Protein backbone atom coordinates (compact mmCIF):
# COMPACT_ATOMS: atom_id res chain seq x y z
CA UNK A 1 62.35 73.59 89.22
CA UNK A 2 64.04 71.21 86.83
CA UNK A 3 67.76 71.33 86.29
CA UNK A 4 68.86 73.84 83.66
CA UNK A 5 71.88 73.13 81.49
CA UNK A 6 74.62 75.72 81.59
CA UNK A 7 77.63 75.93 79.36
CA UNK A 8 80.67 77.99 78.57
CA UNK A 9 80.38 80.39 75.70
CA UNK A 10 83.18 79.59 73.27
CA UNK A 11 83.09 82.79 71.22
CA UNK A 12 85.56 85.50 72.17
CA UNK A 13 83.87 88.37 74.00
CA UNK A 14 84.80 91.79 75.26
CA UNK A 15 83.81 91.59 78.90
CA UNK A 16 83.09 94.26 81.44
CA UNK A 17 85.71 93.11 83.90
CA UNK A 18 88.41 93.15 81.25
CA UNK A 19 88.66 96.88 81.78
CA UNK A 20 87.43 97.10 85.34
CA UNK A 21 88.87 98.44 88.55
CA UNK A 22 90.21 95.03 89.53
CA UNK A 23 93.85 94.83 88.58
CA UNK A 24 96.42 95.22 91.31
CA UNK A 25 99.10 97.85 91.09
CA UNK A 26 101.51 94.92 91.15
CA UNK A 27 99.77 93.20 88.23
CA UNK A 28 100.41 95.59 85.36
CA UNK A 29 101.46 92.64 83.22
CA UNK A 30 98.25 90.78 84.02
CA UNK A 31 95.76 93.08 82.32
CA UNK A 32 93.00 91.21 80.55
CA UNK A 33 92.38 91.36 76.82
CA UNK A 34 89.49 90.64 74.51
CA UNK A 35 88.02 87.20 75.02
CA UNK A 36 90.19 86.37 78.01
CA UNK A 37 87.15 85.68 80.17
CA UNK A 38 83.94 83.96 79.15
CA UNK A 39 80.55 83.86 80.86
CA UNK A 40 79.89 80.65 82.76
CA UNK A 41 76.20 80.68 81.91
CA UNK A 42 74.31 82.07 78.97
CA UNK A 43 70.68 81.72 77.92
CA UNK A 44 69.07 80.55 74.73
CA UNK A 45 65.37 80.56 75.62
CA UNK A 46 63.06 82.12 78.16
CA UNK A 47 62.74 78.72 79.84
CA UNK A 48 66.42 78.90 80.75
CA UNK A 49 66.29 82.47 82.04
CA UNK A 50 65.19 81.89 85.67
CA UNK A 51 68.42 80.11 86.49
CA UNK A 52 69.31 80.14 90.14
CA UNK A 53 73.04 79.62 89.98
CA UNK A 54 75.89 80.25 87.57
CA UNK A 55 76.79 76.56 87.57
CA UNK A 56 74.39 73.64 87.44
CA UNK A 57 73.90 71.90 90.80
CA UNK A 58 70.66 70.66 92.29
CA UNK A 59 71.17 72.68 95.47
CA UNK A 60 71.47 75.90 93.54
CA UNK A 61 68.03 75.89 91.92
CA UNK A 62 65.82 78.79 92.99
CA UNK A 63 62.10 78.67 93.69
CA UNK A 64 59.66 81.39 92.68
CA UNK A 65 59.14 84.11 95.28
CA UNK A 66 55.60 84.40 96.55
CA UNK A 67 53.64 87.47 95.57
CA UNK A 68 53.40 88.65 99.16
CA UNK A 69 57.18 88.78 99.65
CA UNK A 70 58.45 91.98 101.27
CA UNK A 71 61.70 93.66 102.15
CA UNK A 72 62.54 95.73 105.19
CA UNK A 73 61.20 99.28 105.23
CA UNK A 74 64.39 101.16 104.49
CA UNK A 75 66.15 102.75 101.56
CA UNK A 76 67.93 100.01 99.63
CA UNK A 77 67.83 97.36 102.34
CA UNK A 78 67.22 93.72 101.54
CA UNK A 79 66.06 91.07 103.96
CA UNK A 80 68.95 89.57 105.93
CA UNK A 81 67.69 86.01 105.38
CA UNK A 82 66.14 85.85 101.93
CA UNK A 83 65.77 88.16 98.96
CA UNK A 84 64.13 88.30 95.56
CA UNK A 85 66.08 88.01 92.31
CA UNK A 86 64.49 89.38 89.14
CA UNK A 87 65.26 87.92 85.69
CA UNK A 88 64.18 89.84 82.59
CA UNK A 89 62.15 87.69 80.23
CA UNK A 90 63.91 86.82 77.01
CA UNK A 91 60.76 87.45 75.01
CA UNK A 92 61.51 91.18 75.14
CA UNK A 93 64.54 92.94 73.70
CA UNK A 94 64.91 95.58 76.39
CA UNK A 95 63.41 96.69 79.65
CA UNK A 96 62.56 100.25 80.60
CA UNK A 97 63.26 101.43 84.14
CA UNK A 98 61.07 104.24 85.50
CA UNK A 99 61.60 106.69 88.36
CA UNK A 100 58.18 105.83 89.81
CA UNK A 101 55.78 102.88 89.45
CA UNK A 102 54.09 104.48 86.47
CA UNK A 103 54.76 104.63 82.74
CA UNK A 104 53.97 108.33 82.98
CA UNK A 105 57.04 108.92 85.16
CA UNK A 106 60.50 109.76 83.83
CA UNK A 107 62.70 107.01 82.39
CA UNK A 108 65.78 106.25 84.49
CA UNK A 109 67.42 103.98 81.92
CA UNK A 110 66.71 101.31 79.33
CA UNK A 111 68.63 98.04 79.43
CA UNK A 112 68.78 95.10 77.06
CA UNK A 113 67.33 91.79 78.25
CA UNK A 114 70.66 90.07 77.53
CA UNK A 115 73.93 91.56 78.77
CA UNK A 116 76.84 92.46 76.55
CA UNK A 117 78.40 89.16 77.61
CA UNK A 118 75.39 87.17 76.36
CA UNK A 119 74.16 86.46 79.89
CA UNK A 120 70.75 87.01 81.48
CA UNK A 121 69.81 90.49 82.68
CA UNK A 122 69.35 90.18 86.43
CA UNK A 123 68.21 92.66 89.09
CA UNK A 124 67.98 92.57 92.87
CA UNK A 125 64.54 93.56 94.14
CA UNK A 126 64.70 96.25 96.81
CA UNK A 127 60.95 96.61 97.37
CA UNK A 128 58.62 93.87 96.25
CA UNK A 129 55.74 95.01 98.45
CA UNK A 130 54.15 96.55 95.35
CA UNK A 131 54.00 93.25 93.48
CA UNK A 132 50.22 93.16 93.40
CA UNK A 133 50.25 96.52 91.65
CA UNK A 134 52.36 95.07 88.85
CA UNK A 135 55.57 96.95 89.68
CA UNK A 136 58.90 96.01 91.30
CA UNK A 137 61.57 98.34 92.65
CA UNK A 138 65.07 97.12 91.82
CA UNK A 139 68.72 98.00 92.28
CA UNK A 140 70.38 99.03 89.03
CA UNK A 141 73.83 98.17 87.61
CA UNK A 142 74.49 101.78 86.61
CA UNK A 143 76.17 104.87 88.00
CA UNK A 144 75.83 106.36 90.51
CA UNK A 145 76.14 103.51 92.99
CA UNK A 146 72.86 102.88 94.79
CA UNK A 147 70.70 103.76 91.79
CA UNK A 148 67.22 102.24 91.84
CA UNK A 149 64.15 102.28 89.66
CA UNK A 150 60.81 100.64 88.94
CA UNK A 151 60.16 97.94 86.34
CA UNK A 152 56.94 96.29 85.27
CA UNK A 153 56.31 92.84 86.68
CA UNK A 154 55.00 91.51 83.37
CA UNK A 155 58.49 91.88 81.89
CA UNK A 156 60.26 89.71 84.46
CA UNK A 157 60.31 86.51 86.46
CA UNK A 158 60.97 86.60 90.22
CA UNK A 159 62.85 83.99 92.20
CA UNK A 160 63.64 83.49 95.85
CA UNK A 161 67.32 83.56 96.87
CA UNK A 162 68.67 82.42 100.23
CA UNK A 163 72.22 83.74 99.84
CA UNK A 164 73.87 86.98 100.88
CA UNK A 165 77.49 88.19 100.93
CA UNK A 166 78.85 90.62 103.51
CA UNK A 167 82.29 92.21 103.18
CA UNK A 168 83.97 94.13 106.00
CA UNK A 169 86.80 96.23 104.63
CA UNK A 170 88.36 97.01 108.02
CA UNK A 171 88.71 93.32 108.84
CA UNK A 172 89.45 92.17 105.27
CA UNK A 173 86.67 89.66 105.78
CA UNK A 174 84.00 88.16 103.55
CA UNK A 175 81.06 86.23 104.95
CA UNK A 176 78.75 84.06 102.89
CA UNK A 177 75.35 83.71 104.53
CA UNK A 178 72.59 81.24 103.75
CA UNK A 179 69.14 81.86 105.22
CA UNK A 180 70.67 84.46 107.52
CA UNK A 181 73.26 82.09 108.97
CA UNK A 182 76.99 82.47 108.32
CA UNK A 183 78.06 79.53 106.18
CA UNK A 184 81.62 80.61 105.34
CA UNK A 185 84.11 83.28 106.43
CA UNK A 186 87.16 84.18 104.35
CA UNK A 187 89.98 86.71 104.30
CA UNK A 188 90.03 89.01 101.26
CA UNK A 189 92.13 91.69 99.59
CA UNK A 190 90.49 95.06 98.89
CA UNK A 191 91.20 98.42 97.25
CA UNK A 192 94.23 100.49 98.13
CA UNK A 193 94.80 104.19 98.79
CA UNK A 194 92.82 106.45 96.47
CA UNK A 195 91.13 103.49 94.76
CA UNK A 196 89.22 101.97 97.69
CA UNK A 197 86.59 99.28 97.44
CA UNK A 198 83.29 101.20 97.49
CA UNK A 199 80.84 100.91 100.36
CA UNK A 200 77.22 100.02 99.69
CA UNK A 201 74.74 97.32 98.76
CA UNK A 202 75.40 95.74 95.38
CA UNK A 203 74.58 92.40 93.77
CA UNK A 204 76.18 89.80 91.52
CA UNK A 205 75.31 90.51 87.87
CA UNK A 206 77.40 87.87 86.09
CA UNK A 207 79.89 85.06 86.59
CA UNK A 208 82.91 84.85 84.29
CA UNK A 209 85.57 82.17 83.89
CA UNK A 210 89.18 82.73 82.87
CA UNK A 211 90.69 79.89 80.81
CA UNK A 212 94.10 80.71 82.29
CA UNK A 213 92.79 79.65 85.69
CA UNK A 214 95.07 80.20 88.66
CA UNK A 215 97.72 81.92 86.53
CA UNK A 216 95.34 84.75 85.62
CA UNK A 217 95.33 88.01 87.57
CA UNK A 218 91.62 87.32 88.12
CA UNK A 219 92.02 83.70 89.12
CA UNK A 220 89.70 81.04 87.69
CA UNK A 221 86.41 82.91 88.26
CA UNK A 222 85.13 86.46 88.67
CA UNK A 223 81.74 87.71 89.80
CA UNK A 224 80.87 91.05 88.22
CA UNK A 225 79.00 93.34 90.64
CA UNK A 226 76.48 96.10 90.07
CA UNK A 227 78.78 98.69 91.67
CA UNK A 228 81.52 100.96 90.36
CA UNK A 229 84.68 102.58 91.66
CA UNK A 230 83.91 105.92 93.30
CA UNK A 231 87.28 107.34 92.22
CA UNK A 232 87.87 105.81 88.80
CA UNK A 233 85.33 106.87 86.20
CA UNK A 234 87.29 104.96 83.57
CA UNK A 235 89.92 102.25 83.80
CA UNK A 236 91.76 100.71 80.83
CA UNK A 237 88.92 101.78 78.56
CA UNK A 238 86.16 100.42 80.81
CA UNK A 239 83.76 102.07 83.22
CA UNK A 240 85.37 101.02 86.50
CA UNK A 241 82.96 98.24 87.47
CA UNK A 242 84.02 96.25 90.56
CA UNK A 243 83.99 92.52 91.12
CA UNK A 244 84.88 89.60 93.37
CA UNK A 245 87.51 87.31 91.89
CA UNK A 246 90.51 85.07 92.48
CA UNK A 247 94.16 86.02 92.08
CA UNK A 248 97.54 84.84 90.84
CA UNK A 249 99.16 86.46 93.86
CA UNK A 250 98.05 84.59 97.03
CA UNK A 251 100.30 86.84 99.16
CA UNK A 252 97.98 89.77 98.42
CA UNK A 253 95.10 88.27 100.38
CA UNK A 254 94.41 90.23 103.55
CA UNK A 255 95.91 93.44 102.15
CA UNK A 256 94.84 96.68 100.48
CA UNK A 257 96.23 96.17 96.99
CA UNK A 258 93.59 96.42 94.26
CA UNK A 259 91.94 99.21 92.29
CA UNK A 260 88.66 98.46 94.05
CA UNK A 261 87.84 94.81 93.45
CA UNK A 262 87.68 92.17 96.17
CA UNK A 263 90.07 89.21 95.88
CA UNK A 264 89.66 85.73 97.28
CA UNK A 265 91.88 82.65 97.27
CA UNK A 266 91.28 80.66 94.09
CA UNK A 267 89.85 77.63 95.87
CA UNK A 268 87.31 79.84 97.62
CA UNK A 269 86.11 81.69 94.50
CA UNK A 270 85.85 78.34 92.70
CA UNK A 271 83.60 76.95 95.45
CA UNK A 272 81.50 80.13 95.48
CA UNK A 273 81.09 79.97 91.70
CA UNK A 274 79.38 76.62 92.18
CA UNK A 275 77.06 77.86 94.91
CA UNK A 276 76.28 81.58 94.76
CA UNK A 277 73.47 82.58 92.36
CA UNK A 278 73.35 85.67 90.20
CA UNK A 279 71.40 88.44 91.90
CA UNK A 280 72.90 87.71 95.31
CA UNK A 281 73.19 90.88 97.42
CA UNK A 282 76.72 91.98 98.34
CA UNK A 283 76.86 94.38 101.28
CA UNK A 284 80.20 96.15 101.65
CA UNK A 285 80.94 98.14 104.83
């Protein structure tokens, strides 16, 4: 697939992570405000939608998943080597998610094709075995954590993804895997006390950049995830979404200090921002 140009959105935006469960209890002065983060990639046309990575590099381009792709037979389990990322076509305004692979079934939710941060709407496929029937089962970026539903294949484009992130809370460890092989291992900070980092399978829904860089409480980049805090229904006016981001407090790495988000050293999150595509599964144990 040809290279796709990405760019920083210059308009000020209210972003999901600005009121998320990310801030440390030691960072009360570092709360984010309107427009403090901007999406790294946005889309203008349908041709740009099937973008494999948040930043433009040749190695990050995805290839279409074959129609016979499958996932493991289990509830919300993705393949440990490769997975399918689903981009909503920009020719539609919204996509309807059903409880079963039928338009006669109940509607789980309806989501716009472009996110509130002007980025592409992305899902992680959890069961693509039904592709030939015209339906795809996907993980949803809504409460409760682990929500899934069925969407019609004609409304989306499907791409193969070779990346996967695994986070072990007990060891404060993040592993980045490529084709099932561990490529990187890093120490992270996680949630503290009654605001723990939630356990489950999530996926990266957007990549945001903070113009303050290393001085920001979020560091230079933040991946928004599809999961939410299990203890905070609301946080600073937001809905408690969790993320993976940098930090302005390197001493916090390896500790339980956040309201649920996962922190990485700034050089690590910067490198990941240039490599990890949207839709990458994030398994937290």
